[in-house]
């Protein structure tokens, strides 16, 4: 099988992977610049030497909202300097090869489906909890993009009344209440704790009573969003990824129980809730697989 290239553009870093038969055989990473034009130069350096030994389209994962058909950034909140940037057109002009662009969480779902925790599944929903909250949906082995390329934008799902304001998002949205960023801000406001979600989960692990109320609220919000997805899409598997999962040994069994307590009793033992396997490489791996996957 030919080698393929996948690029994952994130708010913090750009990652590139060279994939062969579902295996990551080379992986590189550099800091994300402020503009799309600068990013093209970074991508060129990351993929240096790979174009000659790879075949097919180059897959690119990028944060939404974006027009995946035309490969244009719309208004991604974590990349304010990229609004309207025609990534596909400029990238194809630079490398002389077709590029396929997909939402980063969708690409991560494709990565876990083809090379990670979802290899044995036909339907899954990938949920990433990190700087924000995002999702990707695989149904019948096909990646669901949606009519306007916004399927899987679960971070804007309303899961509570009110909540802090976040630009571009609904009040009470999953992302504004239970992302890693939101959890870190809440811990600072309510507990005087700096250091973000990682430090917070250290407190939880040490059975700190002051952290328990915020922890239970975070579990509740995360389980609400997950249960909504289960009842709406009825997936075979839920795969959790993203930076917050680094602390999964602290909370994952609690989260499983919380989710199962919010779904129909008949579904509780059927839906498999798993941790992602590919970590930071999921988006790039999925981007490399885009040409081989049907998207609907």
C-alpha atoms as a PDB file:
ATOM      1  CA  UNK A   1       0.000   0.000   0.000  1.00  0.00           C
ATOM      2  CA  UNK A   2       1.257   3.474  -0.860  1.00  0.00           C
ATOM      3  CA  UNK A   3       2.409   5.860   1.807  1.00  0.00           C
ATOM      4  CA  UNK A   4       0.149   8.840   2.503  1.00  0.00           C
ATOM      5  CA  UNK A   5       0.631  12.206   4.171  1.00  0.00           C
ATOM      6  CA  UNK A   6      -1.646  13.709   6.806  1.00  0.00           C
ATOM      7  CA  UNK A   7      -1.381  17.227   8.230  1.00  0.00           C
ATOM      8  CA  UNK A   8      -3.138  18.372  11.412  1.00  0.00           C
ATOM      9  CA  UNK A   9      -3.355  22.138  11.962  1.00  0.00           C
ATOM     10  CA  UNK A  10      -4.078  22.975  15.593  1.00  0.00           C
ATOM     11  CA  UNK A  11      -4.273  26.193  17.563  1.00  0.00           C
ATOM     12  CA  UNK A  12      -0.938  25.384  19.242  1.00  0.00           C
ATOM     13  CA  UNK A  13       0.970  23.196  16.788  1.00  0.00           C
ATOM     14  CA  UNK A  14       0.965  21.744  13.286  1.00  0.00           C
ATOM     15  CA  UNK A  15       1.560  18.005  13.118  1.00  0.00           C
ATOM     16  CA  UNK A  16       2.494  15.927  10.087  1.00  0.00           C
ATOM     17  CA  UNK A  17       2.399  12.150   9.743  1.00  0.00           C
ATOM     18  CA  UNK A  18       3.561   9.731   7.079  1.00  0.00           C
ATOM     19  CA  UNK A  19       1.251   6.703   7.094  1.00  0.00           C
ATOM     20  CA  UNK A  20       1.664   3.256   5.562  1.00  0.00           C
ATOM     21  CA  UNK A  21      -0.984   0.520   5.904  1.00  0.00           C
ATOM     22  CA  UNK A  22      -2.558   2.299   8.868  1.00  0.00           C
ATOM     23  CA  UNK A  23       0.773   2.634  10.688  1.00  0.00           C
ATOM     24  CA  UNK A  24       2.437   5.952  11.504  1.00  0.00           C
ATOM     25  CA  UNK A  25       5.985   5.539  10.242  1.00  0.00           C
ATOM     26  CA  UNK A  26       7.125   9.143  10.704  1.00  0.00           C
ATOM     27  CA  UNK A  27       5.756  12.054  12.730  1.00  0.00           C
ATOM     28  CA  UNK A  28       6.852  15.712  12.950  1.00  0.00           C
ATOM     29  CA  UNK A  29       5.515  18.763  14.794  1.00  0.00           C
ATOM     30  CA  UNK A  30       6.086  22.542  14.854  1.00  0.00           C
ATOM     31  CA  UNK A  31       4.435  25.539  16.484  1.00  0.00           C
ATOM     32  CA  UNK A  32       1.442  27.015  14.632  1.00  0.00           C
ATOM     33  CA  UNK A  33       2.211  30.483  13.197  1.00  0.00           C
ATOM     34  CA  UNK A  34      -0.224  33.387  13.269  1.00  0.00           C
ATOM     35  CA  UNK A  35      -1.203  33.385   9.588  1.00  0.00           C
ATOM     36  CA  UNK A  36      -2.169  30.845   6.956  1.00  0.00           C
ATOM     37  CA  UNK A  37       0.600  31.907   4.579  1.00  0.00           C
ATOM     38  CA  UNK A  38       3.215  31.341   7.263  1.00  0.00           C
ATOM     39  CA  UNK A  39       1.632  27.958   7.954  1.00  0.00           C
ATOM     40  CA  UNK A  40       2.204  26.876   4.361  1.00  0.00           C
ATOM     41  CA  UNK A  41       5.926  27.392   4.897  1.00  0.00           C
ATOM     42  CA  UNK A  42       5.786  25.336   8.106  1.00  0.00           C
ATOM     43  CA  UNK A  43       3.893  22.528   6.347  1.00  0.00           C
ATOM     44  CA  UNK A  44       6.485  22.545   3.579  1.00  0.00           C
ATOM     45  CA  UNK A  45       9.277  22.068   6.127  1.00  0.00           C
ATOM     46  CA  UNK A  46       7.391  19.383   8.042  1.00  0.00           C
ATOM     47  CA  UNK A  47       6.694  17.309   4.941  1.00  0.00           C
ATOM     48  CA  UNK A  48      10.105  17.800   3.331  1.00  0.00           C
ATOM     49  CA  UNK A  49      11.202  14.618   1.567  1.00  0.00           C
ATOM     50  CA  UNK A  50       7.830  12.928   1.973  1.00  0.00           C
ATOM     51  CA  UNK A  51       6.159  14.043  -1.250  1.00  0.00           C
ATOM     52  CA  UNK A  52       8.571  11.974  -3.317  1.00  0.00           C
ATOM     53  CA  UNK A  53       7.864   8.767  -1.405  1.00  0.00           C
ATOM     54  CA  UNK A  54       4.092   9.181  -0.978  1.00  0.00           C
ATOM     55  CA  UNK A  55       1.114   8.933  -3.316  1.00  0.00           C
ATOM     56  CA  UNK A  56      -2.449  10.204  -3.543  1.00  0.00           C
ATOM     57  CA  UNK A  57      -4.020  13.288  -2.049  1.00  0.00           C
ATOM     58  CA  UNK A  58      -2.587  15.034   0.991  1.00  0.00           C
ATOM     59  CA  UNK A  59      -5.115  15.107   3.826  1.00  0.00           C
ATOM     60  CA  UNK A  60      -5.394  18.142   6.072  1.00  0.00           C
ATOM     61  CA  UNK A  61      -7.215  18.345   9.399  1.00  0.00           C
ATOM     62  CA  UNK A  62      -8.123  21.841  10.564  1.00  0.00           C
ATOM     63  CA  UNK A  63     -10.296  23.449  13.247  1.00  0.00           C
ATOM     64  CA  UNK A  64     -13.786  24.497  12.248  1.00  0.00           C
ATOM     65  CA  UNK A  65     -15.952  26.090  11.273  1.00  0.00           C
ATOM     66  CA  UNK A  66     -14.631  25.630   7.738  1.00  0.00           C
ATOM     67  CA  UNK A  67     -15.861  24.843   4.247  1.00  0.00           C
ATOM     68  CA  UNK A  68     -14.348  21.416   3.713  1.00  0.00           C
ATOM     69  CA  UNK A  69     -15.402  21.213   0.059  1.00  0.00           C
ATOM     70  CA  UNK A  70     -13.506  24.370  -0.914  1.00  0.00           C
ATOM     71  CA  UNK A  71     -10.952  24.047   1.873  1.00  0.00           C
ATOM     72  CA  UNK A  72     -11.580  27.537   3.244  1.00  0.00           C
ATOM     73  CA  UNK A  73     -11.371  28.574   6.892  1.00  0.00           C
ATOM     74  CA  UNK A  74     -14.549  30.343   7.964  1.00  0.00           C
ATOM     75  CA  UNK A  75     -14.227  31.733  11.494  1.00  0.00           C
ATOM     76  CA  UNK A  76     -12.315  29.301  13.738  1.00  0.00           C
ATOM     77  CA  UNK A  77     -12.270  30.840  17.236  1.00  0.00           C
ATOM     78  CA  UNK A  78      -8.800  29.506  18.071  1.00  0.00           C
ATOM     79  CA  UNK A  79      -7.200  30.791  14.832  1.00  0.00           C
ATOM     80  CA  UNK A  80      -8.447  34.396  14.523  1.00  0.00           C
ATOM     81  CA  UNK A  81      -5.811  35.358  11.944  1.00  0.00           C
ATOM     82  CA  UNK A  82      -6.943  32.656   9.524  1.00  0.00           C
ATOM     83  CA  UNK A  83     -10.545  33.701   8.838  1.00  0.00           C
ATOM     84  CA  UNK A  84     -11.342  33.282   5.142  1.00  0.00           C
ATOM     85  CA  UNK A  85      -7.964  31.723   4.314  1.00  0.00           C
ATOM     86  CA  UNK A  86      -8.210  29.459   1.187  1.00  0.00           C
ATOM     87  CA  UNK A  87      -6.021  26.635   2.487  1.00  0.00           C
ATOM     88  CA  UNK A  88      -6.853  24.009  -0.149  1.00  0.00           C
ATOM     89  CA  UNK A  89      -6.238  26.299  -3.116  1.00  0.00           C
ATOM     90  CA  UNK A  90      -2.928  27.624  -1.802  1.00  0.00           C
ATOM     91  CA  UNK A  91      -1.689  24.235  -0.614  1.00  0.00           C
ATOM     92  CA  UNK A  92      -2.438  22.584  -3.960  1.00  0.00           C
ATOM     93  CA  UNK A  93      -0.634  25.406  -5.718  1.00  0.00           C
ATOM     94  CA  UNK A  94       2.400  24.864  -3.511  1.00  0.00           C
ATOM     95  CA  UNK A  95       2.706  21.070  -3.806  1.00  0.00           C
ATOM     96  CA  UNK A  96       1.032  20.379  -7.166  1.00  0.00           C
ATOM     97  CA  UNK A  97      -1.136  17.658  -5.696  1.00  0.00           C
ATOM     98  CA  UNK A  98      -4.780  17.346  -4.605  1.00  0.00           C
ATOM     99  CA  UNK A  99      -5.544  18.199  -0.982  1.00  0.00           C
ATOM    100  CA  UNK A 100      -8.534  17.049   1.045  1.00  0.00           C
ATOM    101  CA  UNK A 101      -9.562  19.218   3.994  1.00  0.00           C
ATOM    102  CA  UNK A 102     -11.616  18.034   6.967  1.00  0.00           C
ATOM    103  CA  UNK A 103     -12.614  19.306  10.390  1.00  0.00           C
ATOM    104  CA  UNK A 104      -9.957  18.304  12.924  1.00  0.00           C
ATOM    105  CA  UNK A 105     -12.278  16.328  15.192  1.00  0.00           C
ATOM    106  CA  UNK A 106     -13.728  14.501  12.165  1.00  0.00           C
ATOM    107  CA  UNK A 107     -10.214  13.655  11.060  1.00  0.00           C
ATOM    108  CA  UNK A 108      -9.348  12.407  14.551  1.00  0.00           C
ATOM    109  CA  UNK A 109     -12.454  10.210  14.415  1.00  0.00           C
ATOM    110  CA  UNK A 110     -11.220   8.818  11.098  1.00  0.00           C
ATOM    111  CA  UNK A 111      -7.796   8.234  12.645  1.00  0.00           C
ATOM    112  CA  UNK A 112      -9.170   6.288  15.606  1.00  0.00           C
ATOM    113  CA  UNK A 113     -11.497   4.385  13.252  1.00  0.00           C
ATOM    114  CA  UNK A 114      -8.763   3.312  10.836  1.00  0.00           C
ATOM    115  CA  UNK A 115      -5.749   2.981  13.127  1.00  0.00           C
ATOM    116  CA  UNK A 116      -6.806   3.384  16.763  1.00  0.00           C
ATOM    117  CA  UNK A 117      -9.470   2.537  19.327  1.00  0.00           C
ATOM    118  CA  UNK A 118     -12.247   2.151  16.747  1.00  0.00           C
ATOM    119  CA  UNK A 119     -10.614  -0.380  14.427  1.00  0.00           C
ATOM    120  CA  UNK A 120     -13.201  -3.043  15.287  1.00  0.00           C
ATOM    121  CA  UNK A 121     -16.241  -0.741  14.936  1.00  0.00           C
ATOM    122  CA  UNK A 122     -18.605   0.270  12.155  1.00  0.00           C
ATOM    123  CA  UNK A 123     -20.059   3.278  13.984  1.00  0.00           C
ATOM    124  CA  UNK A 124     -18.452   5.539  16.550  1.00  0.00           C
ATOM    125  CA  UNK A 125     -18.511   9.062  17.883  1.00  0.00           C
ATOM    126  CA  UNK A 126     -15.158  10.576  18.779  1.00  0.00           C
ATOM    127  CA  UNK A 127     -15.326  13.218  21.532  1.00  0.00           C
ATOM    128  CA  UNK A 128     -12.317  15.430  22.151  1.00  0.00           C
ATOM    129  CA  UNK A 129     -12.092  17.438  25.363  1.00  0.00           C
ATOM    130  CA  UNK A 130      -9.151  19.787  25.364  1.00  0.00           C
ATOM    131  CA  UNK A 131      -8.897  23.542  24.727  1.00  0.00           C
ATOM    132  CA  UNK A 132     -12.452  23.152  23.414  1.00  0.00           C
ATOM    133  CA  UNK A 133     -14.929  20.321  22.922  1.00  0.00           C
ATOM    134  CA  UNK A 134     -15.357  18.743  19.494  1.00  0.00           C
ATOM    135  CA  UNK A 135     -16.655  15.597  17.888  1.00  0.00           C
ATOM    136  CA  UNK A 136     -16.447  13.372  14.847  1.00  0.00           C
ATOM    137  CA  UNK A 137     -19.010  10.833  13.680  1.00  0.00           C
ATOM    138  CA  UNK A 138     -18.459   7.572  11.796  1.00  0.00           C
ATOM    139  CA  UNK A 139     -21.607   5.764  10.665  1.00  0.00           C
ATOM    140  CA  UNK A 140     -21.580   2.571   8.630  1.00  0.00           C
ATOM    141  CA  UNK A 141     -17.866   3.048   8.076  1.00  0.00           C
ATOM    142  CA  UNK A 142     -18.437   6.500   6.538  1.00  0.00           C
ATOM    143  CA  UNK A 143     -17.446   9.891   7.898  1.00  0.00           C
ATOM    144  CA  UNK A 144     -20.420  12.177   8.487  1.00  0.00           C
ATOM    145  CA  UNK A 145     -19.698  15.736   7.331  1.00  0.00           C
ATOM    146  CA  UNK A 146     -23.294  16.992   7.140  1.00  0.00           C
ATOM    147  CA  UNK A 147     -25.118  19.198   4.655  1.00  0.00           C
ATOM    148  CA  UNK A 148     -23.039  22.281   5.515  1.00  0.00           C
ATOM    149  CA  UNK A 149     -19.905  20.518   6.788  1.00  0.00           C
ATOM    150  CA  UNK A 150     -20.730  21.099  10.455  1.00  0.00           C
ATOM    151  CA  UNK A 151     -21.707  17.621  11.668  1.00  0.00           C
ATOM    152  CA  UNK A 152     -19.985  16.841  14.950  1.00  0.00           C
ATOM    153  CA  UNK A 153     -19.821  20.433  16.244  1.00  0.00           C
ATOM    154  CA  UNK A 154     -20.907  19.128  19.629  1.00  0.00           C
ATOM    155  CA  UNK A 155     -19.088  21.812  21.619  1.00  0.00           C
ATOM    156  CA  UNK A 156     -21.912  24.258  20.916  1.00  0.00           C
ATOM    157  CA  UNK A 157     -24.562  21.825  22.224  1.00  0.00           C
ATOM    158  CA  UNK A 158     -26.502  23.517  25.059  1.00  0.00           C
ATOM    159  CA  UNK A 159     -26.305  21.341  28.173  1.00  0.00           C
ATOM    160  CA  UNK A 160     -27.246  23.803  30.938  1.00  0.00           C
ATOM    161  CA  UNK A 161     -28.979  27.114  31.562  1.00  0.00           C
ATOM    162  CA  UNK A 162     -26.635  30.073  31.558  1.00  0.00           C
ATOM    163  CA  UNK A 163     -22.912  29.865  32.110  1.00  0.00           C
ATOM    164  CA  UNK A 164     -19.921  32.011  31.159  1.00  0.00           C
ATOM    165  CA  UNK A 165     -19.829  33.907  27.874  1.00  0.00           C
ATOM    166  CA  UNK A 166     -17.587  32.498  25.148  1.00  0.00           C
ATOM    167  CA  UNK A 167     -17.280  34.251  21.805  1.00  0.00           C
ATOM    168  CA  UNK A 168     -19.085  32.432  19.019  1.00  0.00           C
ATOM    169  CA  UNK A 169     -20.709  29.894  21.355  1.00  0.00           C
ATOM    170  CA  UNK A 170     -24.102  29.504  23.021  1.00  0.00           C
ATOM    171  CA  UNK A 171     -24.386  30.262  26.711  1.00  0.00           C
ATOM    172  CA  UNK A 172     -24.600  26.944  28.504  1.00  0.00           C
ATOM    173  CA  UNK A 173     -22.698  25.182  25.732  1.00  0.00           C
ATOM    174  CA  UNK A 174     -20.691  22.058  26.454  1.00  0.00           C
ATOM    175  CA  UNK A 175     -17.440  23.769  25.472  1.00  0.00           C
ATOM    176  CA  UNK A 176     -18.019  26.848  27.631  1.00  0.00           C
ATOM    177  CA  UNK A 177     -18.844  24.708  30.680  1.00  0.00           C
ATOM    178  CA  UNK A 178     -16.769  21.539  30.485  1.00  0.00           C
ATOM    179  CA  UNK A 179     -13.794  21.907  28.142  1.00  0.00           C
ATOM    180  CA  UNK A 180     -10.324  21.741  29.643  1.00  0.00           C
ATOM    181  CA  UNK A 181     -10.119  25.517  29.350  1.00  0.00           C
ATOM    182  CA  UNK A 182     -13.477  26.022  31.066  1.00  0.00           C
ATOM    183  CA  UNK A 183     -12.539  23.608  33.845  1.00  0.00           C
ATOM    184  CA  UNK A 184      -9.249  25.427  34.454  1.00  0.00           C
ATOM    185  CA  UNK A 185     -11.010  28.805  34.636  1.00  0.00           C
ATOM    186  CA  UNK A 186     -13.650  27.459  37.019  1.00  0.00           C
ATOM    187  CA  UNK A 187     -10.954  25.964  39.257  1.00  0.00           C
ATOM    188  CA  UNK A 188      -9.167  29.307  39.400  1.00  0.00           C
ATOM    189  CA  UNK A 189     -12.379  31.224  40.139  1.00  0.00           C
ATOM    190  CA  UNK A 190     -13.867  28.816  42.673  1.00  0.00           C
ATOM    191  CA  UNK A 191     -10.778  27.266  44.258  1.00  0.00           C
ATOM    192  CA  UNK A 192      -8.052  29.842  43.641  1.00  0.00           C
ATOM    193  CA  UNK A 193      -6.155  27.128  41.787  1.00  0.00           C
ATOM    194  CA  UNK A 194      -3.850  28.029  38.903  1.00  0.00           C
ATOM    195  CA  UNK A 195      -2.329  25.534  36.498  1.00  0.00           C
ATOM    196  CA  UNK A 196      -5.424  24.516  34.571  1.00  0.00           C
ATOM    197  CA  UNK A 197      -7.239  21.203  34.336  1.00  0.00           C
ATOM    198  CA  UNK A 198      -4.119  19.128  35.011  1.00  0.00           C
ATOM    199  CA  UNK A 199      -3.585  20.676  38.455  1.00  0.00           C
ATOM    200  CA  UNK A 200      -7.303  20.369  39.162  1.00  0.00           C
ATOM    201  CA  UNK A 201      -7.316  16.625  38.538  1.00  0.00           C
ATOM    202  CA  UNK A 202      -4.289  16.294  40.819  1.00  0.00           C
ATOM    203  CA  UNK A 203      -6.482  17.733  43.580  1.00  0.00           C
ATOM    204  CA  UNK A 204      -9.289  15.326  42.708  1.00  0.00           C
ATOM    205  CA  UNK A 205      -6.864  12.412  42.777  1.00  0.00           C
ATOM    206  CA  UNK A 206      -5.810  13.458  46.273  1.00  0.00           C
ATOM    207  CA  UNK A 207      -9.498  13.447  47.347  1.00  0.00           C
ATOM    208  CA  UNK A 208      -9.530  17.175  48.028  1.00  0.00           C
ATOM    209  CA  UNK A 209     -13.000  17.978  49.395  1.00  0.00           C
ATOM    210  CA  UNK A 210     -12.970  21.535  48.067  1.00  0.00           C
ATOM    211  CA  UNK A 211     -12.561  20.224  44.508  1.00  0.00           C
ATOM    212  CA  UNK A 212     -15.331  17.643  44.758  1.00  0.00           C
ATOM    213  CA  UNK A 213     -18.284  19.926  43.933  1.00  0.00           C
ATOM    214  CA  UNK A 214     -16.642  21.251  40.766  1.00  0.00           C
ATOM    215  CA  UNK A 215     -15.556  17.722  39.822  1.00  0.00           C
ATOM    216  CA  UNK A 216     -19.100  16.355  40.160  1.00  0.00           C
ATOM    217  CA  UNK A 217     -20.449  19.260  38.110  1.00  0.00           C
ATOM    218  CA  UNK A 218     -17.886  18.651  35.369  1.00  0.00           C
ATOM    219  CA  UNK A 219     -18.764  14.941  35.279  1.00  0.00           C
ATOM    220  CA  UNK A 220     -22.459  15.807  35.060  1.00  0.00           C
ATOM    221  CA  UNK A 221     -22.009  18.237  32.168  1.00  0.00           C
ATOM    222  CA  UNK A 222     -19.749  15.842  30.257  1.00  0.00           C
ATOM    223  CA  UNK A 223     -22.140  12.946  30.794  1.00  0.00           C
ATOM    224  CA  UNK A 224     -25.124  15.065  29.691  1.00  0.00           C
ATOM    225  CA  UNK A 225     -23.478  15.843  26.367  1.00  0.00           C
ATOM    226  CA  UNK A 226     -22.419  12.232  25.861  1.00  0.00           C
ATOM    227  CA  UNK A 227     -25.863  10.869  26.721  1.00  0.00           C
ATOM    228  CA  UNK A 228     -27.447  13.310  24.261  1.00  0.00           C
ATOM    229  CA  UNK A 229     -25.174  11.933  21.547  1.00  0.00           C
ATOM    230  CA  UNK A 230     -25.941   8.322  22.452  1.00  0.00           C
ATOM    231  CA  UNK A 231     -29.699   8.894  22.291  1.00  0.00           C
ATOM    232  CA  UNK A 232     -29.463  10.890  19.045  1.00  0.00           C
ATOM    233  CA  UNK A 233     -27.031   8.760  17.037  1.00  0.00           C
ATOM    234  CA  UNK A 234     -27.046   5.357  18.765  1.00  0.00           C
ATOM    235  CA  UNK A 235     -23.360   4.665  18.043  1.00  0.00           C
ATOM    236  CA  UNK A 236     -21.676   1.363  18.693  1.00  0.00           C
ATOM    237  CA  UNK A 237     -18.770   3.064  20.458  1.00  0.00           C
ATOM    238  CA  UNK A 238     -17.877   6.377  22.098  1.00  0.00           C
ATOM    239  CA  UNK A 239     -14.160   7.204  21.924  1.00  0.00           C
ATOM    240  CA  UNK A 240     -12.842   9.967  24.208  1.00  0.00           C
ATOM    241  CA  UNK A 241      -9.674  11.849  23.273  1.00  0.00           C
ATOM    242  CA  UNK A 242      -8.078  15.246  23.813  1.00  0.00           C
ATOM    243  CA  UNK A 243      -5.696  16.712  26.360  1.00  0.00           C
ATOM    244  CA  UNK A 244      -8.002  16.234  29.358  1.00  0.00           C
ATOM    245  CA  UNK A 245      -7.782  12.464  28.821  1.00  0.00           C
ATOM    246  CA  UNK A 246      -4.209  12.592  30.134  1.00  0.00           C
ATOM    247  CA  UNK A 247      -5.894  12.479  33.553  1.00  0.00           C
ATOM    248  CA  UNK A 248      -8.274   9.661  32.566  1.00  0.00           C
ATOM    249  CA  UNK A 249      -6.936   7.381  35.295  1.00  0.00           C
ATOM    250  CA  UNK A 250      -8.466   9.839  37.791  1.00  0.00           C
ATOM    251  CA  UNK A 251     -11.952  10.192  36.316  1.00  0.00           C
ATOM    252  CA  UNK A 252     -12.721   7.774  33.480  1.00  0.00           C
ATOM    253  CA  UNK A 253     -14.546   5.098  35.464  1.00  0.00           C
ATOM    254  CA  UNK A 254     -16.599   7.810  37.192  1.00  0.00           C
ATOM    255  CA  UNK A 255     -17.433   9.269  33.785  1.00  0.00           C
ATOM    256  CA  UNK A 256     -18.508   5.882  32.429  1.00  0.00           C
ATOM    257  CA  UNK A 257     -20.877   5.402  35.371  1.00  0.00           C
ATOM    258  CA  UNK A 258     -22.253   8.925  35.020  1.00  0.00           C
ATOM    259  CA  UNK A 259     -22.961   8.474  31.298  1.00  0.00           C
ATOM    260  CA  UNK A 260     -24.632   5.085  31.788  1.00  0.00           C
ATOM    261  CA  UNK A 261     -26.834   6.584  34.466  1.00  0.00           C
ATOM    262  CA  UNK A 262     -28.226   9.074  31.929  1.00  0.00           C
ATOM    263  CA  UNK A 263     -29.119   6.707  29.066  1.00  0.00           C
ATOM    264  CA  UNK A 264     -31.916   4.193  28.607  1.00  0.00           C
ATOM    265  CA  UNK A 265     -31.373   1.146  30.767  1.00  0.00           C
ATOM    266  CA  UNK A 266     -31.464  -1.044  27.656  1.00  0.00           C
ATOM    267  CA  UNK A 267     -28.423   0.849  26.266  1.00  0.00           C
ATOM    268  CA  UNK A 268     -26.233   0.879  29.353  1.00  0.00           C
ATOM    269  CA  UNK A 269     -24.326  -2.311  28.637  1.00  0.00           C
ATOM    270  CA  UNK A 270     -24.423  -1.986  24.867  1.00  0.00           C
ATOM    271  CA  UNK A 271     -22.586   1.277  24.252  1.00  0.00           C
ATOM    272  CA  UNK A 272     -18.839   0.787  24.575  1.00  0.00           C
ATOM    273  CA  UNK A 273     -17.058   3.846  26.038  1.00  0.00           C
ATOM    274  CA  UNK A 274     -13.340   3.791  25.276  1.00  0.00           C
ATOM    275  CA  UNK A 275     -10.242   5.936  25.492  1.00  0.00           C
ATOM    276  CA  UNK A 276      -8.565   7.033  22.257  1.00  0.00           C
ATOM    277  CA  UNK A 277      -5.319   5.272  21.398  1.00  0.00           C
ATOM    278  CA  UNK A 278      -3.519   7.644  19.016  1.00  0.00           C
ATOM    279  CA  UNK A 279      -3.247  10.733  21.230  1.00  0.00           C
ATOM    280  CA  UNK A 280      -1.908  13.815  19.448  1.00  0.00           C
ATOM    281  CA  UNK A 281      -1.366  11.803  16.256  1.00  0.00           C
ATOM    282  CA  UNK A 282      -5.070  11.021  15.670  1.00  0.00           C
ATOM    283  CA  UNK A 283      -5.840  14.058  13.496  1.00  0.00           C
ATOM    284  CA  UNK A 284      -2.871  13.595  11.208  1.00  0.00           C
ATOM    285  CA  UNK A 285      -3.500   9.844  10.913  1.00  0.00           C
ATOM    286  CA  UNK A 286      -7.132  10.474  10.025  1.00  0.00           C
ATOM    287  CA  UNK A 287      -6.222  13.190   7.542  1.00  0.00           C
ATOM    288  CA  UNK A 288      -3.967  10.713   5.745  1.00  0.00           C
ATOM    289  CA  UNK A 289      -6.902   8.278   5.515  1.00  0.00           C
ATOM    290  CA  UNK A 290      -9.396  10.776   4.050  1.00  0.00           C
ATOM    291  CA  UNK A 291      -8.900   9.696   0.428  1.00  0.00           C
ATOM    292  CA  UNK A 292      -9.807   6.110   1.318  1.00  0.00           C
ATOM    293  CA  UNK A 293     -12.935   7.017   3.323  1.00  0.00           C
ATOM    294  CA  UNK A 294     -16.372   7.863   1.996  1.00  0.00           C
ATOM    295  CA  UNK A 295     -17.726  11.114   3.423  1.00  0.00           C
ATOM    296  CA  UNK A 296     -21.424  11.897   3.618  1.00  0.00           C
END
